[in-house]
Amino acid sequence: MNISLVPAECNKENTILCPLTPEEFVMFRNEGLINEKKRTYHMVLHHREIQVECPILMDGKRVVGVILPAFKLPYRPYPCYVYLFAVALYLVGISMRKAAVQVQKKFGIPRFSHSTVSRTWSVLLLKADLLSAVSEADTIRKSLPGHP
């Protein structure tokens, strides 16, 4: 199981993604459900390979999940905003090929293709209702009394 700050689905078998608030993370840590060891993922950004260390969620001695930060997409080598930037370029009228080249230059990514822009755009179209629901839920939550 992968745990993220936003609800999402992934096309890997037996993968479940669920949102986790900072309060829930603290609760898991206080309950001793977060392992001292971390899972490390490699990402590329600005011509550098970076490592993202993600806490592991345990059930006794059994690993039950990895807690991913909001910018890390499962099974993707770049932060989520790189993919969103590419789609934004496409939406303002730049071709997918030119958008991919601009993403490579802006973020210092050695390999980013027009097919990645196309796949990202397709997934966003399929998930438009889910993205809208997340946005609406966030707006409602922020309007509740006691929310900063």
Protein backbone atom coordinates (compact mmCIF):
# COMPACT_ATOMS: atom_id res chain seq x y z
CA MET A 1 0.00 0.00 0.00
CA ASN A 2 1.20 3.52 -0.78
CA ILE A 3 -0.14 6.40 1.25
CA SER A 4 -0.35 9.90 -0.12
CA LEU A 5 -1.80 13.25 0.86
CA VAL A 6 -4.27 13.09 -2.03
CA PRO A 7 -6.62 10.30 -3.13
CA ALA A 8 -5.35 8.61 -6.25
CA GLU A 9 -5.28 5.33 -8.08
CA CYS A 10 -2.38 3.57 -9.67
CA ASN A 11 -2.36 0.90 -12.33
CA LYS A 12 -0.12 -1.46 -10.39
CA GLU A 13 -1.80 -4.58 -9.04
CA ASN A 14 -2.50 -4.72 -5.32
CA THR A 15 -1.68 -1.02 -4.91
CA ILE A 16 -3.96 1.11 -2.80
CA LEU A 17 -3.48 4.82 -2.33
CA CYS A 18 -5.20 6.66 0.48
CA PRO A 19 -4.90 10.20 1.82
CA LEU A 20 -3.15 10.81 5.13
CA THR A 21 -3.34 14.04 7.11
CA PRO A 22 -0.38 15.36 9.11
CA GLU A 23 -2.34 14.65 12.30
CA GLU A 24 -2.83 11.02 11.28
CA PHE A 25 0.89 10.72 10.53
CA VAL A 26 1.76 11.99 14.02
CA MET A 27 -0.76 9.56 15.50
CA PHE A 28 0.82 6.64 13.58
CA ARG A 29 4.28 7.68 14.77
CA ASN A 30 3.10 8.01 18.40
CA GLU A 31 1.51 4.55 18.18
CA GLY A 32 4.82 3.07 16.97
CA LEU A 33 3.44 2.14 13.55
CA ILE A 34 6.14 4.03 11.65
CA ASN A 35 9.35 2.06 11.13
CA GLU A 36 12.73 3.68 11.81
CA LYS A 37 13.90 2.49 8.40
CA LYS A 38 12.76 4.38 5.34
CA ARG A 39 12.21 3.44 1.72
CA THR A 40 14.34 5.49 -0.66
CA TYR A 41 13.15 6.59 -4.11
CA HIS A 42 15.35 8.22 -6.74
CA MET A 43 14.05 11.23 -8.63
CA VAL A 44 15.64 13.51 -11.21
CA LEU A 45 15.35 17.28 -11.05
CA HIS A 46 17.55 20.13 -12.34
CA HIS A 47 20.21 17.74 -13.66
CA ARG A 48 20.50 16.15 -10.23
CA GLU A 49 19.41 12.82 -8.94
CA ILE A 50 17.73 13.31 -5.60
CA GLN A 51 16.67 10.74 -3.05
CA VAL A 52 13.32 10.90 -1.32
CA GLU A 53 13.16 8.98 1.94
CA CYS A 54 9.66 7.80 2.76
CA PRO A 55 8.57 6.36 6.12
CA ILE A 56 7.36 2.78 6.19
CA LEU A 57 4.08 1.90 7.88
CA MET A 58 4.23 -1.32 9.88
CA ASP A 59 1.76 -3.79 11.34
CA GLY A 60 3.90 -5.56 13.88
CA LYS A 61 6.82 -6.86 11.87
CA ARG A 62 4.97 -6.73 8.54
CA VAL A 63 5.30 -3.79 6.14
CA VAL A 64 1.83 -2.58 5.16
CA GLY A 65 2.61 0.66 3.36
CA VAL A 66 4.90 3.46 2.36
CA ILE A 67 4.01 7.06 3.14
CA LEU A 68 4.73 9.20 0.08
CA PRO A 69 4.98 12.99 0.12
CA ALA A 70 2.40 14.88 -1.95
CA PHE A 71 4.92 15.72 -4.70
CA LYS A 72 5.96 12.08 -5.30
CA LEU A 73 3.82 10.13 -7.73
CA PRO A 74 4.07 6.35 -7.41
CA TYR A 75 6.32 4.78 -10.04
CA ARG A 76 7.24 8.17 -11.58
CA PRO A 77 10.78 9.62 -11.63
CA TYR A 78 9.82 13.32 -11.51
CA PRO A 79 7.81 15.41 -9.03
CA CYS A 80 4.11 15.78 -9.87
CA TYR A 81 4.42 19.48 -10.72
CA VAL A 82 6.70 18.61 -13.67
CA TYR A 83 3.90 16.60 -15.27
CA LEU A 84 1.32 19.29 -14.48
CA PHE A 85 3.55 21.99 -15.99
CA ALA A 86 3.84 19.96 -19.19
CA VAL A 87 0.05 19.62 -19.43
CA ALA A 88 -0.40 23.34 -18.70
CA LEU A 89 1.91 24.16 -21.62
CA TYR A 90 -0.14 21.89 -23.86
CA LEU A 91 -3.39 23.51 -22.69
CA VAL A 92 -2.17 26.99 -23.67
CA GLY A 93 -1.60 25.80 -27.23
CA ILE A 94 1.96 24.49 -27.31
CA SER A 95 2.34 21.14 -29.05
CA MET A 96 3.11 18.11 -26.91
CA ARG A 97 6.55 17.76 -28.49
CA LYS A 98 7.45 21.40 -27.83
CA ALA A 99 6.01 21.18 -24.31
CA ALA A 100 8.23 18.17 -23.61
CA VAL A 101 11.32 20.06 -24.81
CA GLN A 102 10.44 23.07 -22.64
CA VAL A 103 9.96 20.80 -19.61
CA GLN A 104 13.37 19.23 -20.23
CA LYS A 105 15.00 22.68 -20.31
CA LYS A 106 13.08 24.22 -17.39
CA PHE A 107 13.53 21.34 -14.96
CA GLY A 108 16.87 19.98 -16.21
CA ILE A 109 15.39 16.60 -17.05
CA PRO A 110 17.39 14.52 -19.52
CA ARG A 111 14.44 12.49 -20.84
CA PHE A 112 10.88 13.74 -21.03
CA SER A 113 8.88 12.96 -24.14
CA HIS A 114 5.70 14.06 -25.84
CA SER A 115 4.22 10.65 -25.08
CA THR A 116 4.62 11.40 -21.36
CA VAL A 117 2.66 14.62 -21.87
CA SER A 118 0.00 12.66 -23.76
CA ARG A 119 -0.32 9.96 -21.08
CA THR A 120 -0.47 12.54 -18.29
CA TRP A 121 -3.15 14.51 -20.15
CA SER A 122 -5.17 11.33 -20.72
CA VAL A 123 -5.01 10.37 -17.04
CA LEU A 124 -6.02 13.87 -15.95
CA LEU A 125 -9.01 13.76 -18.30
CA LEU A 126 -10.07 10.42 -16.87
CA LYS A 127 -9.65 11.73 -13.32
CA ALA A 128 -11.32 15.12 -13.85
CA ASP A 129 -14.30 14.22 -11.63
CA LEU A 130 -12.01 12.99 -8.84
CA LEU A 131 -9.83 16.12 -9.07
CA SER A 132 -12.94 18.29 -8.92
CA ALA A 133 -14.20 16.42 -5.84
CA VAL A 134 -10.84 16.84 -4.07
CA SER A 135 -10.89 20.57 -4.81
CA GLU A 136 -14.48 20.92 -3.57
CA ALA A 137 -13.73 18.93 -0.39
CA ASP A 138 -10.71 21.12 0.31
CA THR A 139 -12.78 24.29 -0.19
CA ILE A 140 -15.46 23.01 2.18
CA ARG A 141 -12.88 21.96 4.79
CA LYS A 142 -11.24 25.40 4.69
CA SER A 143 -14.59 27.12 5.19
CA LEU A 144 -15.29 25.21 8.43
CA PRO A 145 -14.88 27.10 11.73
CA GLY A 146 -11.53 26.63 13.39
CA HIS A 147 -9.61 26.03 10.15
CA PRO A 148 -6.64 28.36 9.70
